[in-house]
PDB file of N, CA and C in Angstrom:
ATOM      1  N   UNK A   1     -16.025  28.582 -31.999  1.00  0.00           N
ATOM      2  CA  UNK A   1     -15.363  28.787 -30.737  1.00  0.00           C
ATOM      3  C   UNK A   1     -15.315  30.276 -30.456  1.00  0.00           C
ATOM      4  N   UNK A   2     -15.257  30.627 -29.203  1.00  0.00           N
ATOM      5  CA  UNK A   2     -15.116  32.018 -28.815  1.00  0.00           C
ATOM      6  C   UNK A   2     -13.628  32.291 -28.641  1.00  0.00           C
ATOM      7  N   UNK A   3     -13.003  32.670 -29.737  1.00  0.00           N
ATOM      8  CA  UNK A   3     -11.561  32.913 -29.710  1.00  0.00           C
ATOM      9  C   UNK A   3     -11.271  34.234 -29.020  1.00  0.00           C
ATOM     10  N   UNK A   4     -10.084  34.333 -28.444  1.00  0.00           N
ATOM     11  CA  UNK A   4      -9.646  35.599 -27.873  1.00  0.00           C
ATOM     12  C   UNK A   4      -8.141  35.692 -28.014  1.00  0.00           C
ATOM     13  N   UNK A   5      -7.672  36.914 -27.952  1.00  0.00           N
ATOM     14  CA  UNK A   5      -6.230  37.132 -27.938  1.00  0.00           C
ATOM     15  C   UNK A   5      -5.842  37.559 -26.534  1.00  0.00           C
ATOM     16  N   UNK A   6      -4.615  37.340 -26.189  1.00  0.00           N
ATOM     17  CA  UNK A   6      -4.159  37.695 -24.846  1.00  0.00           C
ATOM     18  C   UNK A   6      -4.309  39.185 -24.577  1.00  0.00           C
ATOM     19  N   UNK A   7      -4.328  39.989 -25.627  1.00  0.00           N
ATOM     20  CA  UNK A   7      -4.498  41.430 -25.435  1.00  0.00           C
ATOM     21  C   UNK A   7      -5.919  41.781 -24.997  1.00  0.00           C
ATOM     22  N   UNK A   8      -6.881  40.883 -25.229  1.00  0.00           N
ATOM     23  CA  UNK A   8      -8.251  41.124 -24.773  1.00  0.00           C
ATOM     24  C   UNK A   8      -8.425  40.825 -23.290  1.00  0.00           C
ATOM     25  N   UNK A   9      -7.518  40.083 -22.728  1.00  0.00           N
ATOM     26  CA  UNK A   9      -7.579  39.754 -21.313  1.00  0.00           C
ATOM     27  C   UNK A   9      -7.192  40.997 -20.518  1.00  0.00           C
ATOM     28  N   UNK A  10      -8.057  41.457 -19.639  1.00  0.00           N
ATOM     29  CA  UNK A  10      -7.731  42.657 -18.863  1.00  0.00           C
ATOM     30  C   UNK A  10      -6.428  42.485 -18.075  1.00  0.00           C
ATOM     31  N   UNK A  11      -5.608  43.534 -18.056  1.00  0.00           N
ATOM     32  CA  UNK A  11      -4.334  43.495 -17.331  1.00  0.00           C
ATOM     33  C   UNK A  11      -4.523  43.189 -15.852  1.00  0.00           C
ATOM     34  N   UNK A  12      -5.678  43.521 -15.322  1.00  0.00           N
ATOM     35  CA  UNK A  12      -5.926  43.308 -13.893  1.00  0.00           C
ATOM     36  C   UNK A  12      -6.100  41.827 -13.543  1.00  0.00           C
ATOM     37  N   UNK A  13      -6.286  40.979 -14.552  1.00  0.00           N
ATOM     38  CA  UNK A  13      -6.408  39.531 -14.304  1.00  0.00           C
ATOM     39  C   UNK A  13      -5.001  38.978 -14.157  1.00  0.00           C
ATOM     40  N   UNK A  14      -4.655  38.607 -12.924  1.00  0.00           N
ATOM     41  CA  UNK A  14      -3.297  38.103 -12.699  1.00  0.00           C
ATOM     42  C   UNK A  14      -3.244  36.876 -11.788  1.00  0.00           C
ATOM     43  N   UNK A  15      -4.385  36.174 -11.671  1.00  0.00           N
ATOM     44  CA  UNK A  15      -4.392  34.929 -10.904  1.00  0.00           C
ATOM     45  C   UNK A  15      -5.339  33.953 -11.595  1.00  0.00           C
ATOM     46  N   UNK A  16      -5.188  32.683 -11.312  1.00  0.00           N
ATOM     47  CA  UNK A  16      -6.096  31.689 -11.888  1.00  0.00           C
ATOM     48  C   UNK A  16      -7.528  31.923 -11.426  1.00  0.00           C
ATOM     49  N   UNK A  17      -7.704  32.374 -10.193  1.00  0.00           N
ATOM     50  CA  UNK A  17      -9.044  32.654  -9.681  1.00  0.00           C
ATOM     51  C   UNK A  17      -9.711  33.773 -10.492  1.00  0.00           C
ATOM     52  N   UNK A  18      -8.976  34.843 -10.739  1.00  0.00           N
ATOM     53  CA  UNK A  18      -9.519  35.948 -11.523  1.00  0.00           C
ATOM     54  C   UNK A  18      -9.768  35.515 -12.966  1.00  0.00           C
ATOM     55  N   UNK A  19      -8.875  34.713 -13.509  1.00  0.00           N
ATOM     56  CA  UNK A  19      -9.058  34.200 -14.868  1.00  0.00           C
ATOM     57  C   UNK A  19     -10.310  33.341 -14.961  1.00  0.00           C
ATOM     58  N   UNK A  20     -10.549  32.502 -13.964  1.00  0.00           N
ATOM     59  CA  UNK A  20     -11.737  31.647 -13.949  1.00  0.00           C
ATOM     60  C   UNK A  20     -13.011  32.484 -13.902  1.00  0.00           C
ATOM     61  N   UNK A  21     -13.042  33.497 -13.039  1.00  0.00           N
ATOM     62  CA  UNK A  21     -14.229  34.365 -12.941  1.00  0.00           C
ATOM     63  C   UNK A  21     -14.440  35.095 -14.264  1.00  0.00           C
ATOM     64  N   UNK A  22     -13.371  35.621 -14.861  1.00  0.00           N
ATOM     65  CA  UNK A  22     -13.475  36.336 -16.131  1.00  0.00           C
ATOM     66  C   UNK A  22     -13.987  35.405 -17.224  1.00  0.00           C
ATOM     67  N   UNK A  23     -13.385  34.232 -17.356  1.00  0.00           N
ATOM     68  CA  UNK A  23     -13.737  33.313 -18.433  1.00  0.00           C
ATOM     69  C   UNK A  23     -15.165  32.778 -18.271  1.00  0.00           C
ATOM     70  N   UNK A  24     -15.516  32.344 -17.074  1.00  0.00           N
ATOM     71  CA  UNK A  24     -16.851  31.782 -16.871  1.00  0.00           C
ATOM     72  C   UNK A  24     -17.920  32.860 -17.006  1.00  0.00           C
ATOM     73  N   UNK A  25     -17.659  34.059 -16.504  1.00  0.00           N
ATOM     74  CA  UNK A  25     -18.613  35.161 -16.660  1.00  0.00           C
ATOM     75  C   UNK A  25     -18.819  35.492 -18.138  1.00  0.00           C
ATOM     76  N   UNK A  26     -17.746  35.517 -18.891  1.00  0.00           N
ATOM     77  CA  UNK A  26     -17.835  35.807 -20.322  1.00  0.00           C
ATOM     78  C   UNK A  26     -18.615  34.723 -21.045  1.00  0.00           C
ATOM     79  N   UNK A  27     -18.306  33.458 -20.762  1.00  0.00           N
ATOM     80  CA  UNK A  27     -19.030  32.355 -21.394  1.00  0.00           C
ATOM     81  C   UNK A  27     -20.516  32.381 -21.032  1.00  0.00           C
ATOM     82  N   UNK A  28     -20.828  32.674 -19.774  1.00  0.00           N
ATOM     83  CA  UNK A  28     -22.228  32.730 -19.346  1.00  0.00           C
ATOM     84  C   UNK A  28     -22.968  33.864 -20.055  1.00  0.00           C
ATOM     85  N   UNK A  29     -22.315  34.998 -20.216  1.00  0.00           N
ATOM     86  CA  UNK A  29     -22.921  36.150 -20.888  1.00  0.00           C
ATOM     87  C   UNK A  29     -23.203  35.829 -22.356  1.00  0.00           C
ATOM     88  N   UNK A  30     -22.217  35.264 -23.036  1.00  0.00           N
ATOM     89  CA  UNK A  30     -22.348  34.958 -24.457  1.00  0.00           C
ATOM     90  C   UNK A  30     -23.366  33.847 -24.703  1.00  0.00           C
ATOM     91  N   UNK A  31     -23.402  32.868 -23.801  1.00  0.00           N
ATOM     92  CA  UNK A  31     -24.218  31.670 -24.002  1.00  0.00           C
ATOM     93  C   UNK A  31     -25.429  31.612 -23.081  1.00  0.00           C
ATOM     94  N   UNK A  32     -26.036  32.744 -22.841  1.00  0.00           N
ATOM     95  CA  UNK A  32     -27.153  32.818 -21.897  1.00  0.00           C
ATOM     96  C   UNK A  32     -28.299  31.866 -22.247  1.00  0.00           C
ATOM     97  N   UNK A  33     -28.502  31.590 -23.521  1.00  0.00           N
ATOM     98  CA  UNK A  33     -29.610  30.730 -23.940  1.00  0.00           C
ATOM     99  C   UNK A  33     -29.168  29.347 -24.413  1.00  0.00           C
ATOM    100  N   UNK A  34     -27.890  29.028 -24.250  1.00  0.00           N
ATOM    101  CA  UNK A  34     -27.373  27.735 -24.710  1.00  0.00           C
ATOM    102  C   UNK A  34     -27.546  26.692 -23.619  1.00  0.00           C
ATOM    103  N   UNK A  35     -28.110  25.549 -23.992  1.00  0.00           N
ATOM    104  CA  UNK A  35     -28.279  24.469 -23.025  1.00  0.00           C
ATOM    105  C   UNK A  35     -27.453  23.261 -23.447  1.00  0.00           C
ATOM    106  N   UNK A  36     -27.186  22.396 -22.476  1.00  0.00           N
ATOM    107  CA  UNK A  36     -26.436  21.172 -22.716  1.00  0.00           C
ATOM    108  C   UNK A  36     -27.198  20.012 -22.091  1.00  0.00           C
ATOM    109  N   UNK A  37     -27.278  18.921 -22.816  1.00  0.00           N
ATOM    110  CA  UNK A  37     -27.887  17.706 -22.267  1.00  0.00           C
ATOM    111  C   UNK A  37     -26.788  16.975 -21.507  1.00  0.00           C
ATOM    112  N   UNK A  38     -27.001  16.791 -20.211  1.00  0.00           N
ATOM    113  CA  UNK A  38     -25.962  16.216 -19.362  1.00  0.00           C
ATOM    114  C   UNK A  38     -26.308  14.819 -18.858  1.00  0.00           C
ATOM    115  N   UNK A  39     -27.438  14.337 -19.246  1.00  0.00           N
ATOM    116  CA  UNK A  39     -27.863  12.999 -18.853  1.00  0.00           C
ATOM    117  C   UNK A  39     -29.279  12.784 -19.329  1.00  0.00           C
ATOM    118  N   UNK A  40     -29.808  11.571 -19.151  1.00  0.00           N
ATOM    119  CA  UNK A  40     -31.179  11.308 -19.580  1.00  0.00           C
ATOM    120  C   UNK A  40     -32.163  12.264 -18.898  1.00  0.00           C
ATOM    121  N   UNK A  41     -32.807  13.098 -19.699  1.00  0.00           N
ATOM    122  CA  UNK A  41     -33.790  14.035 -19.171  1.00  0.00           C
ATOM    123  C   UNK A  41     -33.202  15.196 -18.389  1.00  0.00           C
ATOM    124  N   UNK A  42     -31.885  15.385 -18.458  1.00  0.00           N
ATOM    125  CA  UNK A  42     -31.241  16.466 -17.703  1.00  0.00           C
ATOM    126  C   UNK A  42     -30.635  17.464 -18.670  1.00  0.00           C
ATOM    127  N   UNK A  43     -31.205  18.649 -18.692  1.00  0.00           N
ATOM    128  CA  UNK A  43     -30.723  19.736 -19.525  1.00  0.00           C
ATOM    129  C   UNK A  43     -30.440  20.931 -18.629  1.00  0.00           C
ATOM    130  N   UNK A  44     -29.270  21.517 -18.784  1.00  0.00           N
ATOM    131  CA  UNK A  44     -28.852  22.667 -17.979  1.00  0.00           C
ATOM    132  C   UNK A  44     -28.330  23.759 -18.894  1.00  0.00           C
ATOM    133  N   UNK A  45     -28.328  24.991 -18.391  1.00  0.00           N
ATOM    134  CA  UNK A  45     -27.648  26.056 -19.134  1.00  0.00           C
ATOM    135  C   UNK A  45     -26.180  25.677 -19.229  1.00  0.00           C
ATOM    136  N   UNK A  46     -25.586  25.841 -20.395  1.00  0.00           N
ATOM    137  CA  UNK A  46     -24.215  25.388 -20.635  1.00  0.00           C
ATOM    138  C   UNK A  46     -23.184  26.188 -19.843  1.00  0.00           C
ATOM    139  N   UNK A  47     -23.468  27.430 -19.555  1.00  0.00           N
ATOM    140  CA  UNK A  47     -22.553  28.262 -18.768  1.00  0.00           C
ATOM    141  C   UNK A  47     -23.378  29.105 -17.813  1.00  0.00           C
ATOM    142  N   UNK A  48     -23.027  29.048 -16.555  1.00  0.00           N
ATOM    143  CA  UNK A  48     -23.766  29.776 -15.527  1.00  0.00           C
ATOM    144  C   UNK A  48     -22.784  30.497 -14.612  1.00  0.00           C
ATOM    145  N   UNK A  49     -23.165  31.684 -14.192  1.00  0.00           N
ATOM    146  CA  UNK A  49     -22.320  32.451 -13.281  1.00  0.00           C
ATOM    147  C   UNK A  49     -23.194  33.332 -12.404  1.00  0.00           C
ATOM    148  N   UNK A  50     -22.794  33.467 -11.173  1.00  0.00           N
ATOM    149  CA  UNK A  50     -23.526  34.337 -10.270  1.00  0.00           C
ATOM    150  C   UNK A  50     -22.749  34.554  -8.983  1.00  0.00           C
ATOM    151  N   UNK A  51     -23.109  35.600  -8.293  1.00  0.00           N
ATOM    152  CA  UNK A  51     -22.499  35.896  -6.999  1.00  0.00           C
ATOM    153  C   UNK A  51     -23.580  35.729  -5.949  1.00  0.00           C
ATOM    154  N   UNK A  52     -23.254  34.954  -4.924  1.00  0.00           N
ATOM    155  CA  UNK A  52     -24.224  34.610  -3.892  1.00  0.00           C
ATOM    156  C   UNK A  52     -23.658  34.909  -2.515  1.00  0.00           C
ATOM    157  N   UNK A  53     -24.534  35.323  -1.621  1.00  0.00           N
ATOM    158  CA  UNK A  53     -24.146  35.555  -0.231  1.00  0.00           C
ATOM    159  C   UNK A  53     -24.359  34.266   0.535  1.00  0.00           C
ATOM    160  N   UNK A  54     -23.323  33.834   1.236  1.00  0.00           N
ATOM    161  CA  UNK A  54     -23.402  32.614   2.037  1.00  0.00           C
ATOM    162  C   UNK A  54     -23.537  33.027   3.495  1.00  0.00           C
ATOM    163  N   UNK A  55     -24.721  32.835   4.034  1.00  0.00           N
ATOM    164  CA  UNK A  55     -25.019  33.276   5.399  1.00  0.00           C
ATOM    165  C   UNK A  55     -24.107  32.625   6.434  1.00  0.00           C
ATOM    166  N   UNK A  56     -23.749  31.368   6.229  1.00  0.00           N
ATOM    167  CA  UNK A  56     -22.949  30.635   7.209  1.00  0.00           C
ATOM    168  C   UNK A  56     -21.635  31.329   7.538  1.00  0.00           C
ATOM    169  N   UNK A  57     -20.908  31.762   6.504  1.00  0.00           N
ATOM    170  CA  UNK A  57     -19.631  32.440   6.777  1.00  0.00           C
ATOM    171  C   UNK A  57     -19.665  33.932   6.453  1.00  0.00           C
ATOM    172  N   UNK A  58     -20.881  34.420   6.110  1.00  0.00           N
ATOM    173  CA  UNK A  58     -21.097  35.851   5.856  1.00  0.00           C
ATOM    174  C   UNK A  58     -20.156  36.407   4.780  1.00  0.00           C
ATOM    175  N   UNK A  59     -20.009  35.645   3.690  1.00  0.00           N
ATOM    176  CA  UNK A  59     -19.145  36.060   2.585  1.00  0.00           C
ATOM    177  C   UNK A  59     -19.896  35.904   1.271  1.00  0.00           C
ATOM    178  N   UNK A  60     -19.517  36.749   0.320  1.00  0.00           N
ATOM    179  CA  UNK A  60     -20.044  36.625  -1.035  1.00  0.00           C
ATOM    180  C   UNK A  60     -19.140  35.677  -1.798  1.00  0.00           C
ATOM    181  N   UNK A  61     -19.751  34.818  -2.619  1.00  0.00           N
ATOM    182  CA  UNK A  61     -18.999  33.844  -3.385  1.00  0.00           C
ATOM    183  C   UNK A  61     -19.455  33.849  -4.836  1.00  0.00           C
ATOM    184  N   UNK A  62     -18.490  33.802  -5.737  1.00  0.00           N
ATOM    185  CA  UNK A  62     -18.776  33.616  -7.151  1.00  0.00           C
ATOM    186  C   UNK A  62     -18.952  32.120  -7.377  1.00  0.00           C
ATOM    187  N   UNK A  63     -20.086  31.758  -7.953  1.00  0.00           N
ATOM    188  CA  UNK A  63     -20.319  30.363  -8.305  1.00  0.00           C
ATOM    189  C   UNK A  63     -20.460  30.292  -9.817  1.00  0.00           C
ATOM    190  N   UNK A  64     -19.587  29.520 -10.439  1.00  0.00           N
ATOM    191  CA  UNK A  64     -19.601  29.385 -11.881  1.00  0.00           C
ATOM    192  C   UNK A  64     -19.638  27.925 -12.281  1.00  0.00           C
ATOM    193  N   UNK A  65     -20.279  27.691 -13.393  1.00  0.00           N
ATOM    194  CA  UNK A  65     -20.424  26.324 -13.887  1.00  0.00           C
ATOM    195  C   UNK A  65     -20.429  26.363 -15.398  1.00  0.00           C
ATOM    196  N   UNK A  66     -19.638  25.470 -16.008  1.00  0.00           N
ATOM    197  CA  UNK A  66     -19.590  25.388 -17.462  1.00  0.00           C
ATOM    198  C   UNK A  66     -19.643  23.924 -17.870  1.00  0.00           C
ATOM    199  N   UNK A  67     -20.487  23.623 -18.827  1.00  0.00           N
ATOM    200  CA  UNK A  67     -20.598  22.274 -19.372  1.00  0.00           C
ATOM    201  C   UNK A  67     -20.087  22.323 -20.806  1.00  0.00           C
ATOM    202  N   UNK A  68     -18.877  21.861 -21.010  1.00  0.00           N
ATOM    203  CA  UNK A  68     -18.229  21.942 -22.321  1.00  0.00           C
ATOM    204  C   UNK A  68     -18.088  20.536 -22.901  1.00  0.00           C
ATOM    205  N   UNK A  69     -18.586  20.371 -24.104  1.00  0.00           N
ATOM    206  CA  UNK A  69     -18.446  19.083 -24.777  1.00  0.00           C
ATOM    207  C   UNK A  69     -16.977  18.827 -25.078  1.00  0.00           C
ATOM    208  N   UNK A  70     -16.548  17.595 -24.876  1.00  0.00           N
ATOM    209  CA  UNK A  70     -15.168  17.209 -25.148  1.00  0.00           C
ATOM    210  C   UNK A  70     -15.134  16.254 -26.340  1.00  0.00           C
ATOM    211  N   UNK A  71     -14.162  16.441 -27.209  1.00  0.00           N
ATOM    212  CA  UNK A  71     -13.970  15.506 -28.311  1.00  0.00           C
ATOM    213  C   UNK A  71     -13.587  14.151 -27.731  1.00  0.00           C
ATOM    214  N   UNK A  72     -14.125  13.065 -28.271  1.00  0.00           N
ATOM    215  CA  UNK A  72     -13.788  11.743 -27.742  1.00  0.00           C
ATOM    216  C   UNK A  72     -12.303  11.403 -27.875  1.00  0.00           C
ATOM    217  N   UNK A  73     -11.585  12.113 -28.733  1.00  0.00           N
ATOM    218  CA  UNK A  73     -10.158  11.864 -28.901  1.00  0.00           C
ATOM    219  C   UNK A  73      -9.353  12.183 -27.637  1.00  0.00           C
ATOM    220  N   UNK A  74      -9.982  12.889 -26.678  1.00  0.00           N
ATOM    221  CA  UNK A  74      -9.250  13.198 -25.448  1.00  0.00           C
ATOM    222  C   UNK A  74      -8.812  11.920 -24.737  1.00  0.00           C
ATOM    223  N   UNK A  75      -9.510  10.811 -24.999  1.00  0.00           N
ATOM    224  CA  UNK A  75      -9.189   9.542 -24.338  1.00  0.00           C
ATOM    225  C   UNK A  75      -7.883   8.931 -24.831  1.00  0.00           C
ATOM    226  N   UNK A  76      -7.535   9.193 -26.078  1.00  0.00           N
ATOM    227  CA  UNK A  76      -6.347   8.546 -26.626  1.00  0.00           C
ATOM    228  C   UNK A  76      -5.370   9.506 -27.286  1.00  0.00           C
ATOM    229  N   UNK A  77      -5.703  10.770 -27.341  1.00  0.00           N
ATOM    230  CA  UNK A  77      -4.848  11.733 -28.023  1.00  0.00           C
ATOM    231  C   UNK A  77      -3.618  12.125 -27.218  1.00  0.00           C
ATOM    232  N   UNK A  78      -2.715  12.794 -27.880  1.00  0.00           N
ATOM    233  CA  UNK A  78      -1.463  13.224 -27.249  1.00  0.00           C
ATOM    234  C   UNK A  78      -1.447  14.697 -26.877  1.00  0.00           C
ATOM    235  N   UNK A  79      -2.553  15.398 -27.093  1.00  0.00           N
ATOM    236  CA  UNK A  79      -2.616  16.822 -26.765  1.00  0.00           C
ATOM    237  C   UNK A  79      -2.971  17.038 -25.301  1.00  0.00           C
ATOM    238  N   UNK A  80      -2.840  18.264 -24.853  1.00  0.00           N
ATOM    239  CA  UNK A  80      -3.283  18.637 -23.506  1.00  0.00           C
ATOM    240  C   UNK A  80      -4.802  18.560 -23.462  1.00  0.00           C
ATOM    241  N   UNK A  81      -5.351  18.254 -22.313  1.00  0.00           N
ATOM    242  CA  UNK A  81      -6.779  18.052 -22.142  1.00  0.00           C
ATOM    243  C   UNK A  81      -7.605  19.192 -22.725  1.00  0.00           C
ATOM    244  N   UNK A  82      -7.210  20.431 -22.472  1.00  0.00           N
ATOM    245  CA  UNK A  82      -7.999  21.583 -22.907  1.00  0.00           C
ATOM    246  C   UNK A  82      -8.066  21.706 -24.423  1.00  0.00           C
ATOM    247  N   UNK A  83      -7.165  21.057 -25.139  1.00  0.00           N
ATOM    248  CA  UNK A  83      -7.198  21.110 -26.598  1.00  0.00           C
ATOM    249  C   UNK A  83      -8.355  20.320 -27.194  1.00  0.00           C
ATOM    250  N   UNK A  84      -9.036  19.525 -26.394  1.00  0.00           N
ATOM    251  CA  UNK A  84     -10.156  18.722 -26.871  1.00  0.00           C
ATOM    252  C   UNK A  84     -11.517  19.354 -26.569  1.00  0.00           C
ATOM    253  N   UNK A  85     -11.523  20.520 -25.962  1.00  0.00           N
ATOM    254  CA  UNK A  85     -12.769  21.224 -25.662  1.00  0.00           C
ATOM    255  C   UNK A  85     -13.432  21.679 -26.957  1.00  0.00           C
ATOM    256  N   UNK A  86     -14.742  21.459 -27.052  1.00  0.00           N
ATOM    257  CA  UNK A  86     -15.507  21.853 -28.231  1.00  0.00           C
ATOM    258  C   UNK A  86     -16.169  23.212 -27.979  1.00  0.00           C
ATOM    259  N   UNK A  87     -16.378  23.996 -29.020  1.00  0.00           N
ATOM    260  CA  UNK A  87     -16.942  25.338 -28.846  1.00  0.00           C
ATOM    261  C   UNK A  87     -18.374  25.337 -28.321  1.00  0.00           C
ATOM    262  N   UNK A  88     -18.675  26.321 -27.486  1.00  0.00           N
ATOM    263  CA  UNK A  88     -20.050  26.583 -27.067  1.00  0.00           C
ATOM    264  C   UNK A  88     -20.702  27.562 -28.040  1.00  0.00           C
ATOM    265  N   UNK A  89     -19.918  28.489 -28.556  1.00  0.00           N
ATOM    266  CA  UNK A  89     -20.439  29.529 -29.434  1.00  0.00           C
ATOM    267  C   UNK A  89     -19.364  29.956 -30.420  1.00  0.00           C
ATOM    268  N   UNK A  90     -19.787  30.688 -31.421  1.00  0.00           N
ATOM    269  CA  UNK A  90     -18.846  31.298 -32.365  1.00  0.00           C
ATOM    270  C   UNK A  90     -19.170  32.781 -32.410  1.00  0.00           C
ATOM    271  N   UNK A  91     -18.644  33.490 -31.454  1.00  0.00           N
ATOM    272  CA  UNK A  91     -18.930  34.924 -31.343  1.00  0.00           C
ATOM    273  C   UNK A  91     -17.705  35.631 -30.800  1.00  0.00           C
ATOM    274  N   UNK A  92     -17.687  36.914 -30.951  1.00  0.00           N
ATOM    275  CA  UNK A  92     -16.586  37.708 -30.403  1.00  0.00           C
ATOM    276  C   UNK A  92     -16.844  37.993 -28.930  1.00  0.00           C
ATOM    277  N   UNK A  93     -15.775  38.229 -28.207  1.00  0.00           N
ATOM    278  CA  UNK A  93     -15.907  38.595 -26.799  1.00  0.00           C
ATOM    279  C   UNK A  93     -16.538  39.978 -26.737  1.00  0.00           C
ATOM    280  N   UNK A  94     -17.620  40.139 -25.977  1.00  0.00           N
ATOM    281  CA  UNK A  94     -18.272  41.444 -25.862  1.00  0.00           C
ATOM    282  C   UNK A  94     -17.325  42.504 -25.273  1.00  0.00           C
ATOM    283  N   UNK A  95     -17.538  43.716 -25.686  1.00  0.00           N
ATOM    284  CA  UNK A  95     -16.693  44.843 -25.264  1.00  0.00           C
ATOM    285  C   UNK A  95     -16.619  44.953 -23.728  1.00  0.00           C
ATOM    286  N   UNK A  96     -17.705  44.645 -23.026  1.00  0.00           N
ATOM    287  CA  UNK A  96     -17.702  44.806 -21.574  1.00  0.00           C
ATOM    288  C   UNK A  96     -16.710  43.881 -20.872  1.00  0.00           C
ATOM    289  N   UNK A  97     -16.220  42.851 -21.584  1.00  0.00           N
ATOM    290  CA  UNK A  97     -15.236  41.945 -21.004  1.00  0.00           C
ATOM    291  C   UNK A  97     -13.829  42.182 -21.539  1.00  0.00           C
ATOM    292  N   UNK A  98     -13.667  43.154 -22.406  1.00  0.00           N
ATOM    293  CA  UNK A  98     -12.360  43.430 -23.013  1.00  0.00           C
ATOM    294  C   UNK A  98     -11.473  44.234 -22.084  1.00  0.00           C
ATOM    295  N   UNK A  99     -10.185  44.157 -22.378  1.00  0.00           N
ATOM    296  CA  UNK A  99      -9.197  44.871 -21.566  1.00  0.00           C
ATOM    297  C   UNK A  99      -9.408  46.363 -21.639  1.00  0.00           C
TER     298      UNK A  99
END
């Protein structure tokens, strides 16, 4: 698992939106070559992140996607859903994402 301490989270992250961008960007950076099988014949990068310009509303948007394996115990366990997430990698958070 890619463990982190709250002290590694930049102080400037103070909303769920910012946390999502930080977390997904970090996962995408660490797992650039990791793929996940998501269906018969369907393989995708396990974590993806990018910023795209949307011509319709003339705004830039962060688009992030993460495919995280879940332990089957999530169906009957008593823990919070996120406690059943399985690791994508076992690495330290890169310095560029540190506080």
